[in-house]
Amino acid sequence: MARKPAPKAHRAFTPPPSPQREVRRAQIDISFENQSLLGALFGQFDANLVQVENRLGVFIAARGNDLHIEGPEDSVARARDVLNEMYDRLSQGQDLDAGAIESLISMSNEPTLDGIMDAEPKGPPIMIRTRRKTIVPRSAMQATYMRSLTRDDIIFALGPAGTGKTYLAVAQAVAQLINGSVQRLILSRPAVEAGEKLGFLPGDMKDKVDPYLRPLYDALYDCMPPEQVERRLASGEIEIAPIAFMRGRTLADAFVILDEAQNTTREQMKMFLTRFGQNSRMVVCGDPRQVDIPGGDGMSGLADAVGKLEGVDGFGTIRFTAADVVRHPIVGRIVEAYEGPAA
């Protein structure tokens, strides 16, 4: 019997490789007039230039007062804007560290980097001056927040940790206390345990509540010399207390900050907001996604207050996202991984 021919093997179809999009490359030279700033601009062993190179994928060569930048066209343009902004900040006497450079690199992806530093075209730069440092915005949303801190009576600052909500509020409060526009600085937060039971805490009332208020102390000491903080705490110019201590008071001539506001109940939030007095400003900071009180989001006074008061005259609402995290870049990636897309 004749053998049937073996079936032909079919070769899998492989589509032709798609042509890669050509990356346009560019090179540019920029020059800086003040040679005395170049050491701080370049950083020790050119560390600042290396940071910009690594983050943007460009090559930077220093030649005296000039910098030569090569790489993909978009990245070269961003590197030029970042370096010019770094130089401008140094020219204004501002600090420049790795965190500030990282923020400028992130902001360079915004539609315009120049607009971040100006309150309005040709307006004064946005900054907060305290006894220990001058603070400038590290993201476009921080710039919006800092404008709100000087304009609105009550501000809701919402978003994840690391976006500067509480720190910038404390810095603005310290600046106003120093220049005399307010007479008192009052910092408060609910004494709610974050996912763990601490049990009995020794000491008097101050000793018991201080662990919950430590982030507020940290921000204060970063903006004022320690001896001034201690003196103003002793005199009552600065007061740090749990929200329960606010009941029955009217807070006039004061800058009042409520931190971790997502852990307030509706009743606590209403009580706190109605403490508002003449010549005062209130900032309410919190992350609606990090509620630690029993019952979760359904009982949060922060979400309830924002829903009722957003858009009311005199109120400002600022919403930060993981993209606004100004700590180490990996913190932003952690927040994004845990929270997913911003709501």
Protein backbone atom coordinates (compact mmCIF):
# COMPACT_ATOMS: atom_id res chain seq x y z
CA MET A 1 0.00 0.00 0.00
CA ALA A 2 1.34 3.43 -0.90
CA ARG A 3 2.17 5.61 2.07
CA LYS A 4 0.33 8.87 2.41
CA PRO A 5 2.62 11.86 2.31
CA ALA A 6 3.24 13.41 5.69
CA PRO A 7 1.37 16.68 6.24
CA LYS A 8 3.46 19.75 5.72
CA ALA A 9 4.52 21.53 8.86
CA HIS A 10 3.01 24.98 9.13
CA ARG A 11 5.44 27.67 10.21
CA ALA A 12 4.01 30.07 12.74
CA PHE A 13 3.39 33.50 11.28
CA THR A 14 5.68 36.13 12.70
CA PRO A 15 4.60 39.68 11.98
CA PRO A 16 7.29 41.96 10.67
CA PRO A 17 8.86 44.11 13.36
CA SER A 18 7.13 47.45 13.68
CA PRO A 19 9.37 50.37 12.94
CA GLN A 20 10.56 52.03 16.13
CA ARG A 21 9.63 55.63 16.55
CA GLU A 22 12.70 57.66 15.90
CA VAL A 23 13.83 59.54 18.98
CA ARG A 24 14.93 62.99 18.00
CA ARG A 25 18.12 63.98 19.72
CA ALA A 26 19.26 67.47 20.54
CA GLN A 27 22.04 69.38 22.22
CA ILE A 28 22.04 72.78 23.84
CA ASP A 29 24.40 75.09 25.71
CA ILE A 30 23.36 77.26 28.65
CA SER A 31 25.45 79.81 30.50
CA PHE A 32 25.32 81.18 34.07
CA GLU A 33 26.61 84.64 34.96
CA ASN A 34 27.35 84.31 38.69
CA GLN A 35 30.35 82.02 38.97
CA SER A 36 30.15 81.99 42.79
CA LEU A 37 26.92 79.95 42.58
CA LEU A 38 28.34 77.23 40.37
CA GLY A 39 29.67 75.11 43.24
CA ALA A 40 26.23 74.92 44.83
CA LEU A 41 24.59 74.48 41.43
CA PHE A 42 26.78 71.55 40.39
CA GLY A 43 26.93 70.00 43.86
CA GLN A 44 29.81 68.18 45.55
CA PHE A 45 31.60 66.09 42.92
CA ASP A 46 28.92 67.28 40.44
CA ALA A 47 26.29 65.27 42.35
CA ASN A 48 23.46 67.62 41.32
CA LEU A 49 24.32 67.32 37.65
CA VAL A 50 24.54 63.53 37.95
CA GLN A 51 21.07 63.50 39.55
CA VAL A 52 19.60 65.43 36.62
CA GLU A 53 21.46 63.20 34.14
CA ASN A 54 20.23 59.97 35.70
CA ARG A 55 16.61 61.07 36.09
CA LEU A 56 16.22 62.60 32.62
CA GLY A 57 18.55 60.40 30.57
CA VAL A 58 20.79 63.17 29.31
CA PHE A 59 24.52 63.89 29.26
CA ILE A 60 25.74 67.14 30.88
CA ALA A 61 29.27 68.51 30.51
CA ALA A 62 30.51 71.52 32.47
CA ARG A 63 32.82 73.98 30.78
CA GLY A 64 33.51 76.95 33.05
CA ASN A 65 30.28 78.95 33.31
CA ASP A 66 28.68 76.92 30.53
CA LEU A 67 26.84 73.62 30.52
CA HIS A 68 26.49 71.45 27.45
CA ILE A 69 23.45 69.14 27.43
CA GLU A 70 22.89 66.26 25.00
CA GLY A 71 20.15 63.64 24.76
CA PRO A 72 16.55 63.11 23.59
CA GLU A 73 15.00 66.39 22.54
CA ASP A 74 12.26 66.44 25.23
CA SER A 75 14.69 65.46 27.98
CA VAL A 76 17.21 68.11 26.95
CA ALA A 77 14.50 70.78 27.17
CA ARG A 78 13.44 69.55 30.61
CA ALA A 79 17.04 69.44 31.85
CA ARG A 80 17.59 73.02 30.64
CA ASP A 81 14.47 74.22 32.53
CA VAL A 82 15.45 72.35 35.70
CA LEU A 83 19.01 73.74 35.69
CA ASN A 84 17.79 77.29 35.07
CA GLU A 85 15.32 76.98 37.95
CA MET A 86 18.03 75.56 40.22
CA TYR A 87 20.22 78.57 39.40
CA ASP A 88 17.34 81.02 40.00
CA ARG A 89 16.63 79.51 43.42
CA LEU A 90 20.28 79.82 44.41
CA SER A 91 20.29 83.43 43.16
CA GLN A 92 17.36 84.15 45.50
CA GLY A 93 19.26 82.71 48.47
CA GLN A 94 17.17 79.54 48.68
CA ASP A 95 18.43 76.12 49.67
CA LEU A 96 19.04 73.46 47.06
CA ASP A 97 19.20 69.83 48.12
CA ALA A 98 18.50 66.47 46.49
CA GLY A 99 14.83 66.67 47.47
CA ALA A 100 14.40 70.11 45.92
CA ILE A 101 16.10 68.96 42.71
CA GLU A 102 13.91 65.86 42.56
CA SER A 103 10.83 68.06 42.90
CA LEU A 104 12.01 70.37 40.12
CA ILE A 105 12.58 67.36 37.88
CA SER A 106 9.06 66.13 38.58
CA MET A 107 7.61 69.60 38.00
CA SER A 108 9.48 69.93 34.72
CA ASN A 109 6.90 67.58 33.25
CA GLU A 110 4.17 70.13 34.00
CA PRO A 111 2.91 72.32 31.13
CA THR A 112 5.05 75.21 32.37
CA LEU A 113 7.70 75.19 35.06
CA ASP A 114 7.93 78.97 35.14
CA GLY A 115 4.34 79.40 36.30
CA ILE A 116 4.92 77.28 39.39
CA MET A 117 7.09 79.90 41.06
CA ASP A 118 4.89 82.92 40.31
CA ALA A 119 1.60 83.65 42.02
CA GLU A 120 0.50 85.30 38.79
CA PRO A 121 2.35 86.54 35.70
CA LYS A 122 5.11 88.91 36.81
CA GLY A 123 3.94 88.48 40.41
CA PRO A 124 6.08 87.83 43.49
CA PRO A 125 7.52 84.34 43.96
CA ILE A 126 5.52 81.96 46.13
CA MET A 127 7.42 81.26 49.32
CA ILE A 128 7.09 81.03 53.09
CA ARG A 129 9.84 82.62 55.17
CA THR A 130 10.45 81.27 58.66
CA ARG A 131 13.27 81.82 61.14
CA ARG A 132 15.11 78.70 60.01
CA LYS A 133 14.42 78.45 56.28
CA THR A 134 12.63 79.76 53.23
CA ILE A 135 10.13 77.27 51.86
CA VAL A 136 9.12 77.17 48.21
CA PRO A 137 6.61 74.86 46.49
CA ARG A 138 7.87 71.48 45.33
CA SER A 139 4.92 70.64 43.11
CA ALA A 140 2.30 72.54 41.15
CA MET A 141 -0.37 71.54 43.70
CA GLN A 142 1.81 72.80 46.54
CA ALA A 143 1.94 76.17 44.79
CA THR A 144 -1.86 76.21 44.62
CA TYR A 145 -2.02 75.23 48.30
CA MET A 146 0.37 77.98 49.36
CA ARG A 147 -1.76 80.56 47.53
CA SER A 148 -4.83 79.23 49.34
CA LEU A 149 -3.06 79.49 52.70
CA THR A 150 -2.73 83.26 52.22
CA ARG A 151 -6.22 83.79 50.76
CA ASP A 152 -8.91 81.53 52.20
CA ASP A 153 -10.33 81.58 55.74
CA ILE A 154 -10.72 77.79 56.06
CA ILE A 155 -8.75 75.34 53.91
CA PHE A 156 -9.31 71.61 53.51
CA ALA A 157 -6.05 69.93 52.47
CA LEU A 158 -6.72 66.37 51.34
CA GLY A 159 -4.32 63.70 50.14
CA PRO A 160 -1.76 61.04 51.05
CA ALA A 161 1.18 61.34 53.41
CA GLY A 162 4.29 63.07 52.12
CA THR A 163 2.54 65.77 50.08
CA GLY A 164 3.35 68.59 52.54
CA LYS A 165 -0.19 69.25 53.77
CA THR A 166 0.64 69.67 57.45
CA TYR A 167 4.20 70.90 57.03
CA LEU A 168 3.26 73.83 54.79
CA ALA A 169 0.34 74.75 57.05
CA VAL A 170 2.65 74.83 60.09
CA ALA A 171 5.22 76.88 58.14
CA GLN A 172 2.58 79.42 57.11
CA ALA A 173 1.29 79.59 60.68
CA VAL A 174 4.81 80.17 62.05
CA ALA A 175 5.42 82.92 59.47
CA GLN A 176 2.20 84.70 60.47
CA LEU A 177 2.97 84.33 64.17
CA ILE A 178 6.42 85.83 63.65
CA ASN A 179 5.16 88.81 61.64
CA GLY A 180 2.37 89.48 64.14
CA SER A 181 -0.64 88.93 61.87
CA VAL A 182 -1.92 86.34 64.38
CA GLN A 183 -1.36 86.17 68.12
CA ARG A 184 -1.58 82.41 68.63
CA LEU A 185 -0.78 79.21 66.85
CA ILE A 186 -3.02 76.27 67.78
CA LEU A 187 -2.21 72.78 66.52
CA SER A 188 -4.62 69.93 67.11
CA ARG A 189 -5.38 66.39 66.06
CA PRO A 190 -7.64 63.59 67.28
CA ALA A 191 -5.95 61.18 69.68
CA VAL A 192 -6.82 58.05 67.72
CA GLU A 193 -4.55 55.01 67.62
CA ALA A 194 -3.53 54.12 64.05
CA GLY A 195 -4.30 50.43 63.80
CA GLU A 196 -2.79 49.33 67.10
CA LYS A 197 -3.61 49.48 70.79
CA LEU A 198 -1.02 51.35 72.84
CA GLY A 199 -2.59 50.56 76.19
CA PHE A 200 -1.91 52.64 79.30
CA LEU A 201 0.53 55.52 78.82
CA PRO A 202 2.36 56.85 81.91
CA GLY A 203 2.63 60.49 82.95
CA ASP A 204 0.34 63.50 83.08
CA MET A 205 -2.10 64.56 80.35
CA LYS A 206 0.66 66.19 78.25
CA ASP A 207 2.77 63.03 78.43
CA LYS A 208 -0.22 60.92 77.34
CA VAL A 209 -1.16 63.00 74.27
CA ASP A 210 2.32 64.06 73.09
CA PRO A 211 2.98 60.82 71.15
CA TYR A 212 -0.08 61.51 69.00
CA LEU A 213 1.06 65.10 68.33
CA ARG A 214 4.73 64.39 67.57
CA PRO A 215 4.45 65.17 63.80
CA LEU A 216 3.27 68.68 64.68
CA TYR A 217 6.24 69.20 67.02
CA ASP A 218 8.60 67.98 64.29
CA ALA A 219 7.25 70.56 61.83
CA LEU A 220 7.52 73.32 64.43
CA TYR A 221 11.14 72.57 65.28
CA ASP A 222 11.98 72.53 61.57
CA CYS A 223 10.61 76.07 61.15
CA MET A 224 11.74 77.72 64.42
CA PRO A 225 14.81 77.48 66.68
CA PRO A 226 14.15 75.03 69.55
CA GLU A 227 14.49 77.69 72.25
CA GLN A 228 11.82 79.84 70.58
CA VAL A 229 9.48 76.88 70.29
CA GLU A 230 9.89 76.08 73.99
CA ARG A 231 9.44 79.72 75.02
CA ARG A 232 6.29 80.18 72.94
CA LEU A 233 4.87 76.89 74.16
CA ALA A 234 5.45 77.99 77.75
CA SER A 235 3.83 81.38 77.17
CA GLY A 236 0.81 79.89 75.39
CA GLU A 237 1.52 81.56 72.03
CA ILE A 238 1.82 78.05 70.62
CA GLU A 239 -0.65 75.47 71.85
CA ILE A 240 -0.70 71.80 70.90
CA ALA A 241 -3.68 69.81 72.10
CA PRO A 242 -6.08 67.02 71.16
CA ILE A 243 -9.30 68.09 69.48
CA ALA A 244 -11.29 67.31 72.65
CA PHE A 245 -9.68 70.39 74.26
CA MET A 246 -11.25 72.71 71.65
CA ARG A 247 -14.83 72.41 72.92
CA GLY A 248 -16.37 75.59 74.32
CA ARG A 249 -13.69 77.94 72.95
CA THR A 250 -13.70 80.75 70.38
CA LEU A 251 -10.33 80.95 68.62
CA ALA A 252 -9.81 84.60 67.63
CA ASP A 253 -6.55 86.08 66.29
CA ALA A 254 -5.25 82.56 65.80
CA PHE A 255 -3.92 80.26 63.10
CA VAL A 256 -5.53 76.90 63.82
CA ILE A 257 -4.46 73.60 62.24
CA LEU A 258 -6.28 70.29 62.58
CA ASP A 259 -4.14 67.34 61.48
CA GLU A 260 -5.32 63.77 60.76
CA ALA A 261 -8.82 65.18 60.39
CA GLN A 262 -10.09 62.02 58.72
CA ASN A 263 -10.19 60.51 62.22
CA THR A 264 -12.75 62.99 63.53
CA THR A 265 -16.44 62.20 63.84
CA ARG A 266 -19.07 64.45 62.27
CA GLU A 267 -19.80 65.95 65.69
CA GLN A 268 -16.13 66.67 66.38
CA MET A 269 -15.64 68.31 63.00
CA LYS A 270 -18.70 70.53 63.42
CA MET A 271 -17.49 71.52 66.90
CA PHE A 272 -14.01 72.32 65.60
CA LEU A 273 -15.11 74.42 62.62
CA THR A 274 -17.49 76.47 64.75
CA ARG A 275 -14.56 77.55 66.96
CA PHE A 276 -13.57 79.95 64.15
CA GLY A 277 -13.15 83.53 65.42
CA GLN A 278 -12.25 87.01 64.19
CA ASN A 279 -8.95 87.42 62.34
CA SER A 280 -8.35 83.68 62.28
CA ARG A 281 -7.43 81.06 59.73
CA MET A 282 -8.09 77.34 59.88
CA VAL A 283 -6.41 74.53 57.97
CA VAL A 284 -7.92 71.04 58.11
CA CYS A 285 -5.51 68.33 56.91
CA GLY A 286 -6.25 64.67 56.31
CA ASP A 287 -6.27 61.67 54.03
CA PRO A 288 -9.84 60.41 53.48
CA ARG A 289 -8.42 56.99 52.54
CA GLN A 290 -6.67 56.47 55.89
CA VAL A 291 -9.54 56.46 58.41
CA ASP A 292 -8.61 54.78 61.72
CA ILE A 293 -11.79 55.42 63.72
CA PRO A 294 -14.26 52.54 64.19
CA GLY A 295 -16.72 52.42 61.34
CA GLY A 296 -14.35 53.70 58.66
CA ASP A 297 -15.23 56.28 56.01
CA GLY A 298 -18.92 56.33 56.87
CA MET A 299 -18.18 58.09 60.17
CA SER A 300 -15.40 60.43 59.02
CA GLY A 301 -16.13 64.05 59.81
CA LEU A 302 -13.63 65.20 57.18
CA ALA A 303 -15.45 63.70 54.19
CA ASP A 304 -18.76 64.92 55.60
CA ALA A 305 -17.49 68.50 56.04
CA VAL A 306 -15.93 68.66 52.57
CA GLY A 307 -19.19 67.43 51.04
CA LYS A 308 -21.19 70.10 52.86
CA LEU A 309 -18.81 73.08 52.60
CA GLU A 310 -16.81 72.73 49.37
CA GLY A 311 -17.56 75.72 47.19
CA VAL A 312 -18.90 77.85 50.05
CA ASP A 313 -17.42 81.37 50.08
CA GLY A 314 -14.31 81.56 52.27
CA PHE A 315 -13.49 77.85 51.99
CA GLY A 316 -10.70 76.39 49.89
CA THR A 317 -10.25 72.72 49.02
CA ILE A 318 -6.90 71.34 47.85
CA ARG A 319 -6.63 67.74 46.68
CA PHE A 320 -3.18 66.16 46.52
CA THR A 321 -2.43 62.85 44.81
CA ALA A 322 0.46 60.38 44.85
CA ALA A 323 2.07 62.47 42.08
CA ASP A 324 2.47 65.30 44.63
CA VAL A 325 4.46 63.25 47.17
CA VAL A 326 7.66 65.17 47.85
CA ARG A 327 9.51 62.61 49.95
CA HIS A 328 11.82 60.05 48.34
CA PRO A 329 10.44 59.12 44.87
CA ILE A 330 9.81 55.57 46.04
CA VAL A 331 7.25 56.88 48.57
CA GLY A 332 5.09 58.13 45.71
CA ARG A 333 5.31 54.74 44.03
CA ILE A 334 4.35 53.02 47.28
CA VAL A 335 1.28 55.26 47.66
CA GLU A 336 0.24 54.60 44.07
CA ALA A 337 0.65 50.83 44.51
CA TYR A 338 -1.49 50.76 47.64
CA GLU A 339 -4.16 53.21 46.57
CA GLY A 340 -4.42 52.70 42.82
CA PRO A 341 -5.61 55.56 40.60
CA ALA A 342 -6.59 58.70 42.49
CA ALA A 343 -10.32 58.99 43.15
